[in-house]
N, C-alpha and C. Protein backbone atom coordinates (compact mmCIF):
# COMPACT_ATOMS: atom_id res chain seq x y z
N MET A 1 3.75 27.07 -13.60
CA MET A 1 3.55 25.95 -14.40
C MET A 1 4.64 24.95 -14.26
N ARG A 2 4.43 23.74 -14.15
CA ARG A 2 5.44 22.79 -13.99
C ARG A 2 6.11 22.49 -15.31
N ASP A 3 7.42 22.26 -15.36
CA ASP A 3 8.29 21.89 -16.57
C ASP A 3 7.68 20.42 -17.07
N ILE A 4 8.30 20.19 -18.21
CA ILE A 4 8.05 18.76 -18.70
C ILE A 4 8.62 17.66 -17.70
N TYR A 5 9.78 17.99 -17.39
CA TYR A 5 10.37 16.81 -16.37
C TYR A 5 9.56 16.58 -15.03
N SER A 6 8.96 17.65 -14.60
CA SER A 6 8.24 17.51 -13.28
C SER A 6 6.98 16.72 -13.62
N ARG A 7 6.40 17.26 -14.74
CA ARG A 7 5.08 16.48 -15.14
C ARG A 7 5.42 15.00 -15.55
N ASP A 8 6.59 14.74 -15.93
CA ASP A 8 6.69 13.36 -16.26
C ASP A 8 6.81 12.51 -15.01
N LEU A 9 7.80 13.35 -13.94
CA LEU A 9 8.05 12.48 -12.73
C LEU A 9 6.67 12.26 -11.96
N LEU A 10 5.75 13.24 -12.10
CA LEU A 10 4.72 12.96 -11.26
C LEU A 10 3.77 11.93 -12.11
N THR A 11 3.84 11.89 -13.11
CA THR A 11 3.07 10.88 -13.97
C THR A 11 3.70 9.37 -13.60
N VAL A 12 4.95 9.19 -13.68
CA VAL A 12 5.63 8.03 -13.43
C VAL A 12 5.40 7.52 -12.03
N ILE A 13 5.31 8.67 -11.01
CA ILE A 13 5.25 8.21 -9.54
C ILE A 13 3.80 7.76 -9.57
N ASP A 14 2.71 8.37 -10.19
CA ASP A 14 1.39 7.84 -10.00
C ASP A 14 1.28 6.59 -10.57
N GLU A 15 1.86 6.21 -11.56
CA GLU A 15 1.90 4.77 -12.35
C GLU A 15 2.46 4.01 -11.30
N ALA A 16 3.53 4.19 -10.62
CA ALA A 16 4.28 3.32 -9.78
C ALA A 16 3.34 2.78 -8.64
N LEU A 17 2.54 3.76 -8.13
CA LEU A 17 1.83 3.66 -7.05
C LEU A 17 0.29 3.40 -7.24
N GLN A 18 -0.03 3.07 -8.69
CA GLN A 18 -1.45 2.84 -8.75
C GLN A 18 -1.52 1.17 -8.91
N GLN A 19 -2.66 0.79 -8.04
CA GLN A 19 -2.82 -0.77 -7.69
C GLN A 19 -3.54 -1.10 -8.91
N PRO A 20 -3.21 -2.51 -9.54
CA PRO A 20 -4.04 -2.97 -10.39
C PRO A 20 -5.32 -3.10 -10.10
N ALA A 21 -6.42 -2.91 -11.12
CA ALA A 21 -7.80 -3.29 -10.92
C ALA A 21 -8.14 -4.56 -10.67
N HIS A 22 -9.30 -4.87 -10.17
CA HIS A 22 -10.01 -6.03 -9.84
C HIS A 22 -8.98 -7.15 -9.23
N LEU A 23 -8.53 -6.78 -8.05
CA LEU A 23 -7.73 -7.62 -7.31
C LEU A 23 -8.47 -8.07 -6.02
N THR A 24 -8.23 -9.33 -5.66
CA THR A 24 -8.94 -10.06 -4.59
C THR A 24 -8.10 -9.06 -3.31
N THR A 25 -8.87 -9.46 -2.21
CA THR A 25 -8.32 -8.75 -0.99
C THR A 25 -7.16 -9.29 -0.71
N SER A 26 -6.75 -10.66 -0.92
CA SER A 26 -5.46 -10.99 -0.55
C SER A 26 -4.44 -10.68 -1.63
N GLN A 27 -4.76 -10.54 -2.83
CA GLN A 27 -3.97 -10.18 -3.88
C GLN A 27 -3.57 -8.60 -3.65
N MET A 28 -4.59 -7.88 -3.31
CA MET A 28 -4.31 -6.29 -2.92
C MET A 28 -3.44 -6.27 -1.81
N ALA A 29 -3.62 -7.15 -0.66
CA ALA A 29 -2.57 -7.12 0.43
C ALA A 29 -1.13 -7.38 -0.15
N GLU A 30 -1.03 -8.32 -0.96
CA GLU A 30 0.24 -8.70 -1.27
C GLU A 30 0.87 -7.51 -2.17
N TRP A 31 -0.07 -6.82 -3.03
CA TRP A 31 0.61 -5.80 -3.89
C TRP A 31 0.94 -4.59 -2.89
N HIS A 32 -0.04 -4.36 -1.99
CA HIS A 32 0.54 -3.04 -1.00
C HIS A 32 1.88 -3.53 -0.13
N SER A 33 1.90 -4.60 0.33
CA SER A 33 3.25 -5.18 0.90
C SER A 33 4.40 -5.04 -0.10
N HIS A 34 4.17 -5.48 -1.29
CA HIS A 34 5.18 -5.42 -2.11
C HIS A 34 5.73 -3.92 -2.59
N THR A 35 4.72 -3.21 -2.72
CA THR A 35 4.95 -1.62 -3.04
C THR A 35 5.63 -0.99 -1.76
N LEU A 36 5.13 -1.39 -0.85
CA LEU A 36 5.86 -0.64 0.43
C LEU A 36 7.26 -1.19 0.58
N ARG A 37 7.48 -2.40 0.29
CA ARG A 37 8.75 -2.93 0.78
C ARG A 37 9.71 -2.58 -0.40
N ASN A 38 9.37 -2.67 -1.61
CA ASN A 38 10.16 -2.61 -2.76
C ASN A 38 10.28 -1.28 -3.68
N ARG A 39 9.20 -0.69 -3.90
CA ARG A 39 9.17 0.48 -4.70
C ARG A 39 9.23 1.68 -4.02
N LEU A 40 8.62 1.82 -2.77
CA LEU A 40 8.60 3.15 -1.93
C LEU A 40 9.79 3.42 -1.55
N PRO A 41 10.94 2.68 -1.18
CA PRO A 41 12.16 3.48 -0.91
C PRO A 41 12.79 4.25 -2.00
N LEU A 42 12.56 3.56 -3.47
CA LEU A 42 13.20 4.26 -4.49
C LEU A 42 12.48 5.42 -4.94
N ILE A 43 11.26 5.42 -4.75
CA ILE A 43 10.37 6.60 -4.95
C ILE A 43 10.85 7.71 -4.06
N ARG A 44 11.00 7.43 -2.77
CA ARG A 44 11.37 8.41 -1.70
C ARG A 44 12.62 9.18 -2.05
N GLU A 45 13.72 8.18 -2.65
CA GLU A 45 14.93 8.74 -2.98
C GLU A 45 14.78 9.50 -4.20
N ALA A 46 13.81 9.16 -5.26
CA ALA A 46 13.65 10.00 -6.51
C ALA A 46 13.03 11.25 -5.94
N LEU A 47 12.18 11.31 -4.97
CA LEU A 47 11.55 12.70 -4.61
C LEU A 47 12.61 13.55 -3.80
N ARG A 48 13.45 12.75 -3.09
CA ARG A 48 14.61 13.57 -2.60
C ARG A 48 15.60 14.23 -3.57
N ILE A 49 15.93 13.43 -4.69
CA ILE A 49 16.71 13.91 -5.76
C ILE A 49 16.09 15.29 -6.41
N ALA A 50 14.72 14.99 -6.83
CA ALA A 50 14.02 16.06 -7.30
C ALA A 50 13.99 17.44 -6.41
N HIS A 51 13.84 17.26 -5.20
CA HIS A 51 13.75 18.49 -4.34
C HIS A 51 15.10 19.06 -4.02
N GLU A 52 16.07 18.13 -3.58
CA GLU A 52 17.33 18.73 -3.12
C GLU A 52 18.33 18.95 -4.26
N GLU A 53 18.24 18.18 -5.20
CA GLU A 53 19.18 18.26 -6.24
C GLU A 53 18.66 19.16 -7.66
N ALA A 54 17.21 19.14 -7.48
CA ALA A 54 16.53 19.82 -8.73
C ALA A 54 16.65 19.25 -9.86
N ASP A 55 16.74 17.88 -9.92
CA ASP A 55 17.06 16.87 -11.06
C ASP A 55 15.90 16.13 -11.43
N ALA A 56 14.64 16.38 -11.79
CA ALA A 56 13.44 15.75 -12.14
C ALA A 56 13.70 14.72 -13.22
N GLU A 57 14.58 14.84 -13.95
CA GLU A 57 14.86 13.84 -15.22
C GLU A 57 15.38 12.63 -14.39
N LEU A 58 16.71 12.66 -13.68
CA LEU A 58 17.19 11.63 -12.89
C LEU A 58 16.17 11.05 -12.00
N ALA A 59 15.36 11.79 -11.25
CA ALA A 59 14.34 11.08 -10.42
C ALA A 59 13.31 10.46 -11.16
N THR A 60 12.82 10.78 -12.44
CA THR A 60 12.09 10.08 -13.25
C THR A 60 12.55 8.61 -13.72
N GLU A 61 14.00 8.73 -14.01
CA GLU A 61 14.57 7.45 -14.32
C GLU A 61 14.72 6.53 -13.29
N LEU A 62 14.79 7.05 -11.89
CA LEU A 62 14.96 6.37 -10.82
C LEU A 62 13.50 5.44 -10.49
N VAL A 63 12.48 6.38 -10.65
CA VAL A 63 11.14 5.68 -10.51
C VAL A 63 10.76 4.65 -11.50
N ASP A 64 11.40 4.82 -12.75
CA ASP A 64 11.12 3.94 -13.86
C ASP A 64 11.84 2.62 -13.43
N GLN A 65 13.20 2.91 -13.03
CA GLN A 65 13.79 1.72 -12.50
C GLN A 65 13.23 0.77 -11.35
N ALA A 66 12.58 1.44 -10.72
CA ALA A 66 11.84 0.84 -9.49
C ALA A 66 10.74 0.01 -10.09
N ILE A 67 10.12 0.42 -11.02
CA ILE A 67 8.92 -0.28 -11.61
C ILE A 67 9.65 -1.50 -12.50
N ALA A 68 10.59 -1.21 -13.10
CA ALA A 68 11.13 -2.41 -13.90
C ALA A 68 11.86 -3.24 -13.10
N ASN A 69 12.40 -3.00 -11.99
CA ASN A 69 13.05 -3.84 -11.14
C ASN A 69 12.20 -4.75 -10.19
N TYR A 70 10.90 -4.10 -9.86
CA TYR A 70 10.14 -4.66 -8.98
C TYR A 70 8.63 -4.50 -9.67
N PRO A 71 8.43 -5.32 -10.66
CA PRO A 71 7.10 -5.39 -11.35
C PRO A 71 6.03 -5.65 -10.33
N ASN A 72 4.81 -5.61 -10.88
CA ASN A 72 3.76 -6.14 -9.86
C ASN A 72 3.73 -7.70 -9.59
N PRO A 73 3.71 -8.11 -8.42
CA PRO A 73 3.52 -9.54 -8.07
C PRO A 73 2.72 -10.25 -8.99
N PRO A 74 2.92 -11.66 -9.09
CA PRO A 74 2.34 -12.39 -10.22
C PRO A 74 0.63 -12.47 -10.30
N GLY A 75 0.03 -12.21 -9.13
CA GLY A 75 -1.35 -12.24 -8.87
C GLY A 75 -2.18 -10.94 -9.27
N ALA A 76 -0.92 -9.84 -9.36
CA ALA A 76 -1.63 -8.50 -9.78
C ALA A 76 -1.18 -8.09 -11.28
N ILE A 77 -0.94 -8.97 -12.35
CA ILE A 77 -0.67 -8.89 -13.50
C ILE A 77 -1.97 -8.24 -14.22
N ARG A 78 -1.63 -7.38 -14.96
CA ARG A 78 -2.72 -6.82 -15.95
C ARG A 78 -2.51 -7.41 -17.15
N VAL A 79 -3.76 -7.75 -17.80
CA VAL A 79 -3.71 -8.08 -19.20
C VAL A 79 -3.72 -6.99 -20.22
N VAL A 80 -2.93 -7.08 -21.22
CA VAL A 80 -2.65 -6.11 -22.14
C VAL A 80 -3.51 -6.33 -23.44
N GLY A 81 -4.14 -5.35 -23.95
CA GLY A 81 -5.07 -5.47 -24.96
C GLY A 81 -4.42 -5.34 -26.35
N GLY A 82 -5.03 -5.42 -27.40
CA GLY A 82 -4.38 -5.46 -28.70
C GLY A 82 -3.70 -4.18 -28.90
N ASP A 83 -4.25 -3.16 -28.45
CA ASP A 83 -3.63 -1.54 -28.75
C ASP A 83 -2.68 -1.21 -27.79
N GLY A 84 -2.34 -2.17 -26.85
CA GLY A 84 -1.18 -1.97 -25.82
C GLY A 84 -1.87 -1.33 -24.62
N ALA A 85 -3.13 -0.96 -24.57
CA ALA A 85 -3.56 -0.55 -23.35
C ALA A 85 -3.68 -1.72 -22.22
N SER A 86 -3.76 -1.28 -20.97
CA SER A 86 -3.85 -2.29 -19.91
C SER A 86 -5.42 -2.50 -19.79
N LEU A 87 -5.65 -3.79 -19.72
CA LEU A 87 -7.04 -4.14 -19.36
C LEU A 87 -7.06 -4.82 -17.98
N PRO A 88 -8.15 -4.71 -17.32
CA PRO A 88 -8.22 -5.45 -15.97
C PRO A 88 -8.51 -6.73 -15.94
N THR A 89 -7.92 -7.54 -15.23
CA THR A 89 -8.10 -9.01 -15.20
C THR A 89 -9.44 -9.34 -14.65
N PRO A 90 -10.21 -10.41 -14.87
CA PRO A 90 -11.36 -10.54 -14.35
C PRO A 90 -11.48 -10.79 -12.71
N ALA A 91 -12.53 -10.23 -12.11
CA ALA A 91 -12.60 -10.26 -10.78
C ALA A 91 -12.75 -11.70 -10.27
N GLN A 92 -12.02 -11.83 -9.28
CA GLN A 92 -11.92 -13.15 -8.53
C GLN A 92 -12.81 -13.17 -7.38
N GLN A 93 -13.30 -14.46 -6.94
CA GLN A 93 -13.89 -14.22 -5.52
C GLN A 93 -12.79 -14.34 -4.27
N PRO A 94 -12.87 -13.73 -3.31
CA PRO A 94 -11.85 -13.80 -2.22
C PRO A 94 -11.83 -15.32 -1.63
N PRO A 95 -10.68 -15.68 -1.25
CA PRO A 95 -10.63 -16.92 -0.56
C PRO A 95 -11.68 -17.21 0.45
N PRO A 96 -12.15 -18.57 0.57
CA PRO A 96 -13.03 -18.70 1.52
C PRO A 96 -12.59 -18.47 3.00
N GLY A 97 -13.34 -17.84 3.86
CA GLY A 97 -12.99 -17.67 5.21
C GLY A 97 -12.26 -16.32 5.42
N GLU A 98 -12.15 -15.57 4.24
CA GLU A 98 -11.39 -14.30 4.48
C GLU A 98 -12.64 -13.26 4.58
N ALA A 99 -12.75 -12.68 5.82
CA ALA A 99 -13.78 -11.83 6.38
C ALA A 99 -13.63 -10.38 5.61
N GLU A 100 -14.59 -9.81 5.19
CA GLU A 100 -14.76 -8.44 4.83
C GLU A 100 -14.34 -7.35 5.87
N LEU A 101 -13.78 -6.36 5.33
CA LEU A 101 -13.49 -5.36 6.46
C LEU A 101 -14.82 -4.76 6.86
N PRO A 102 -15.02 -4.42 7.99
CA PRO A 102 -16.15 -3.65 8.64
C PRO A 102 -16.56 -2.36 8.01
N ILE A 103 -15.53 -1.61 7.64
CA ILE A 103 -15.69 -0.39 6.84
C ILE A 103 -14.88 -0.32 5.42
N PRO A 104 -15.44 0.03 4.41
CA PRO A 104 -14.47 0.10 3.05
C PRO A 104 -13.21 0.55 3.27
N GLU A 105 -12.10 -0.02 2.68
CA GLU A 105 -10.80 0.29 2.80
C GLU A 105 -10.60 1.77 2.51
N HIS A 106 -11.17 2.42 1.53
CA HIS A 106 -10.96 3.86 1.09
C HIS A 106 -11.37 4.67 2.22
N ILE A 107 -12.33 4.18 3.06
CA ILE A 107 -12.77 5.14 3.99
C ILE A 107 -12.08 4.70 5.33
N LEU A 108 -11.73 3.57 5.50
CA LEU A 108 -10.96 3.20 6.88
C LEU A 108 -9.61 3.81 6.97
N CYS A 109 -8.79 3.71 5.84
CA CYS A 109 -7.38 4.28 5.94
C CYS A 109 -7.23 5.56 6.51
N PRO A 110 -8.18 6.66 5.95
CA PRO A 110 -7.93 7.93 6.37
C PRO A 110 -8.49 8.13 7.80
N LEU A 111 -9.36 7.20 8.31
CA LEU A 111 -9.71 7.31 9.78
C LEU A 111 -8.67 6.93 10.60
N LEU A 112 -7.77 5.91 10.14
CA LEU A 112 -6.75 5.22 10.99
C LEU A 112 -5.37 6.33 10.93
N TYR A 113 -5.41 7.18 9.83
CA TYR A 113 -4.39 8.14 9.63
C TYR A 113 -4.12 8.92 11.00
N LEU A 114 -3.00 9.09 11.63
CA LEU A 114 -2.58 9.89 12.50
C LEU A 114 -3.16 9.13 13.99
N ASN A 115 -3.86 8.03 13.82
CA ASN A 115 -4.13 7.35 14.96
C ASN A 115 -3.35 5.95 15.24
N TRP A 116 -2.76 5.56 14.11
CA TRP A 116 -2.16 4.38 14.02
C TRP A 116 -1.05 4.45 12.98
N ASN A 117 0.24 3.97 13.38
CA ASN A 117 1.46 3.87 12.52
C ASN A 117 1.51 2.32 12.06
N LEU A 118 1.27 2.02 10.96
CA LEU A 118 1.42 0.57 10.23
C LEU A 118 2.60 0.28 9.59
N THR A 119 3.29 -0.84 10.08
CA THR A 119 4.51 -1.20 9.54
C THR A 119 4.50 -2.63 9.27
N ILE A 120 5.54 -3.25 8.83
CA ILE A 120 5.66 -4.62 8.63
C ILE A 120 7.12 -4.98 9.42
N GLU A 121 6.95 -6.03 10.21
CA GLU A 121 8.20 -6.65 10.95
C GLU A 121 8.62 -7.95 10.21
N GLY A 122 9.88 -8.08 10.28
CA GLY A 122 10.46 -9.66 9.83
C GLY A 122 10.25 -9.62 8.35
N LYS A 123 10.72 -10.71 7.90
CA LYS A 123 10.96 -10.76 6.33
C LYS A 123 10.02 -12.04 5.88
N PRO A 124 9.60 -12.08 4.63
CA PRO A 124 8.81 -13.11 4.22
C PRO A 124 9.61 -14.37 4.38
N PRO A 125 9.01 -15.48 4.56
CA PRO A 125 7.46 -15.47 4.90
C PRO A 125 7.00 -15.36 6.27
N HIS A 126 7.92 -14.92 7.22
CA HIS A 126 7.65 -14.64 8.51
C HIS A 126 7.37 -13.37 9.09
N GLU A 127 6.68 -12.47 8.17
CA GLU A 127 6.35 -11.22 8.33
C GLU A 127 5.32 -11.05 9.33
N VAL A 128 5.17 -10.13 10.08
CA VAL A 128 4.08 -9.64 10.97
C VAL A 128 3.65 -8.13 10.66
N TYR A 129 2.27 -7.96 10.54
CA TYR A 129 1.78 -6.63 10.28
C TYR A 129 1.33 -6.01 11.62
N VAL A 130 2.05 -4.70 11.96
CA VAL A 130 1.90 -4.26 13.25
C VAL A 130 1.34 -2.83 12.96
N ALA A 131 0.49 -2.56 14.00
CA ALA A 131 0.05 -1.10 14.30
C ALA A 131 0.38 -0.79 15.58
N ARG A 132 0.78 0.46 15.71
CA ARG A 132 1.32 1.21 16.87
C ARG A 132 0.72 2.61 17.00
N ARG A 133 0.66 3.07 18.04
CA ARG A 133 0.20 4.49 18.37
C ARG A 133 1.34 5.27 17.82
N PRO A 134 1.18 6.54 17.28
CA PRO A 134 2.21 7.48 16.80
C PRO A 134 3.02 7.91 17.95
N PHE A 135 4.07 8.34 17.68
CA PHE A 135 4.90 9.00 18.69
C PHE A 135 4.28 10.28 19.36
N GLY A 136 4.38 10.42 20.73
CA GLY A 136 3.78 11.36 21.29
C GLY A 136 2.23 11.22 21.52
N TRP A 137 1.62 10.16 21.25
CA TRP A 137 0.11 9.93 21.19
C TRP A 137 -0.47 10.50 22.59
N MET A 138 -1.35 11.27 22.37
CA MET A 138 -2.13 11.95 23.38
C MET A 138 -3.55 11.52 23.61
N GLY A 139 -4.08 10.77 22.68
CA GLY A 139 -5.63 10.31 22.75
C GLY A 139 -5.74 9.44 23.74
N ALA A 140 -6.90 8.96 23.73
CA ALA A 140 -7.44 7.88 24.60
C ALA A 140 -6.77 6.59 24.37
N GLY A 141 -6.46 5.78 25.40
CA GLY A 141 -5.91 4.56 25.40
C GLY A 141 -4.40 4.57 25.83
N ASP A 142 -3.84 3.29 25.69
CA ASP A 142 -2.47 3.22 25.98
C ASP A 142 -1.61 3.56 24.79
N ARG A 143 -0.57 4.61 24.98
CA ARG A 143 0.30 4.97 23.92
C ARG A 143 1.23 4.11 23.55
N TRP A 144 1.51 2.91 24.52
CA TRP A 144 2.40 1.95 23.83
C TRP A 144 1.75 0.57 23.36
N GLU A 145 0.42 0.88 22.96
CA GLU A 145 -0.26 -0.18 22.62
C GLU A 145 0.14 -0.74 21.09
N ARG A 146 0.13 -2.13 20.90
CA ARG A 146 0.76 -2.72 19.85
C ARG A 146 -0.38 -3.60 19.47
N VAL A 147 -0.87 -3.67 18.02
CA VAL A 147 -1.73 -4.55 17.33
C VAL A 147 -1.12 -5.21 16.30
N THR A 148 -1.15 -6.65 16.42
CA THR A 148 -0.40 -7.55 15.23
C THR A 148 -1.42 -8.25 14.63
N ALA A 149 -0.93 -8.57 13.39
CA ALA A 149 -1.86 -9.66 12.44
C ALA A 149 -0.86 -10.23 11.47
N PRO A 150 -1.28 -11.51 10.98
CA PRO A 150 -0.49 -12.07 9.89
C PRO A 150 -0.37 -11.52 8.58
N THR A 151 -1.55 -10.88 8.28
CA THR A 151 -1.71 -10.17 6.92
C THR A 151 -2.27 -8.68 7.10
N ARG A 152 -1.92 -7.88 6.13
CA ARG A 152 -2.34 -6.42 6.12
C ARG A 152 -3.84 -6.45 6.15
N HIS A 153 -4.60 -7.21 5.41
CA HIS A 153 -5.98 -7.35 5.62
C HIS A 153 -6.52 -7.43 7.00
N GLU A 154 -6.10 -8.62 7.48
CA GLU A 154 -6.40 -8.76 9.00
C GLU A 154 -6.08 -7.66 10.02
N LEU A 155 -5.22 -7.04 9.61
CA LEU A 155 -4.71 -5.87 10.69
C LEU A 155 -5.67 -4.76 10.41
N LEU A 156 -6.06 -4.46 9.27
CA LEU A 156 -7.06 -3.42 8.84
C LEU A 156 -8.51 -3.99 9.50
N ARG A 157 -8.82 -5.14 9.40
CA ARG A 157 -10.05 -5.70 9.92
C ARG A 157 -10.13 -5.55 11.46
N LEU A 158 -9.07 -5.94 12.08
CA LEU A 158 -9.05 -5.70 13.76
C LEU A 158 -9.12 -4.13 13.90
N LEU A 159 -8.29 -3.47 13.35
CA LEU A 159 -8.39 -2.04 13.65
C LEU A 159 -9.79 -1.28 13.04
N GLY A 160 -10.45 -1.70 12.14
CA GLY A 160 -11.84 -1.45 11.89
C GLY A 160 -12.78 -1.71 12.78
N HIS A 161 -12.80 -2.93 13.29
CA HIS A 161 -13.62 -3.32 14.41
C HIS A 161 -13.49 -2.62 15.66
N ARG A 162 -12.22 -2.24 15.89
CA ARG A 162 -11.88 -1.59 17.04
C ARG A 162 -12.46 0.03 16.95
N LEU A 163 -12.28 0.58 15.74
CA LEU A 163 -12.71 1.86 15.51
C LEU A 163 -14.25 1.83 15.78
N LEU A 164 -15.13 0.91 15.46
CA LEU A 164 -16.55 0.84 15.56
C LEU A 164 -16.75 0.38 16.86
N GLY A 165 -15.87 -0.07 17.71
CA GLY A 165 -16.24 -0.40 18.99
C GLY A 165 -16.95 -1.91 19.07
N THR A 166 -16.71 -2.54 18.01
CA THR A 166 -17.35 -3.95 18.06
C THR A 166 -16.21 -5.01 18.12
N ASP A 167 -16.70 -6.17 18.50
CA ASP A 167 -15.71 -7.17 18.43
C ASP A 167 -15.60 -8.14 17.14
N PRO A 168 -14.42 -8.27 16.47
CA PRO A 168 -14.37 -9.06 15.27
C PRO A 168 -14.97 -10.35 15.24
N PRO A 169 -15.71 -10.81 14.47
CA PRO A 169 -16.25 -12.16 14.38
C PRO A 169 -15.13 -13.07 14.29
N ALA A 170 -15.32 -14.37 14.97
CA ALA A 170 -14.24 -15.39 14.85
C ALA A 170 -14.49 -15.94 13.39
N ASN A 171 -12.99 -16.31 12.82
CA ASN A 171 -13.08 -16.94 11.57
C ASN A 171 -13.09 -18.56 11.76
């Protein structure tokens, strides 16, 4: 059975990595980019502290600090109800011209795992989303292959069509 500090740490990490409900595709891409760039390094450090130094209380404080220092981007703000509970914001329509993913994201991402390493190169506003084959790739295709896109959503769309063996429709 876990002690109270370990349970608190896992709860706080879950909150830090829980995406807000009812985001448009572009807002979700912004939230993922924001979390990857800002919160995740602090969460990794917290997990290292909890593992190597056995200090779950300090690790929990570090994750709390990550959430406080890097709140959700403006488009991903949750509305708080009268009782203090978070309420999802009303769903918005995706911007015109933003194509849907060929496979739902919750199915696509596990299919891409171990086949592609996804990263972000550059700094905003000149960042590029990149997919590369993992180190030691032994599967079909060029092991040095690199796929780029201007947004996370577009990169997933390109990889999804590639996985299906179809050409992505022109926007």
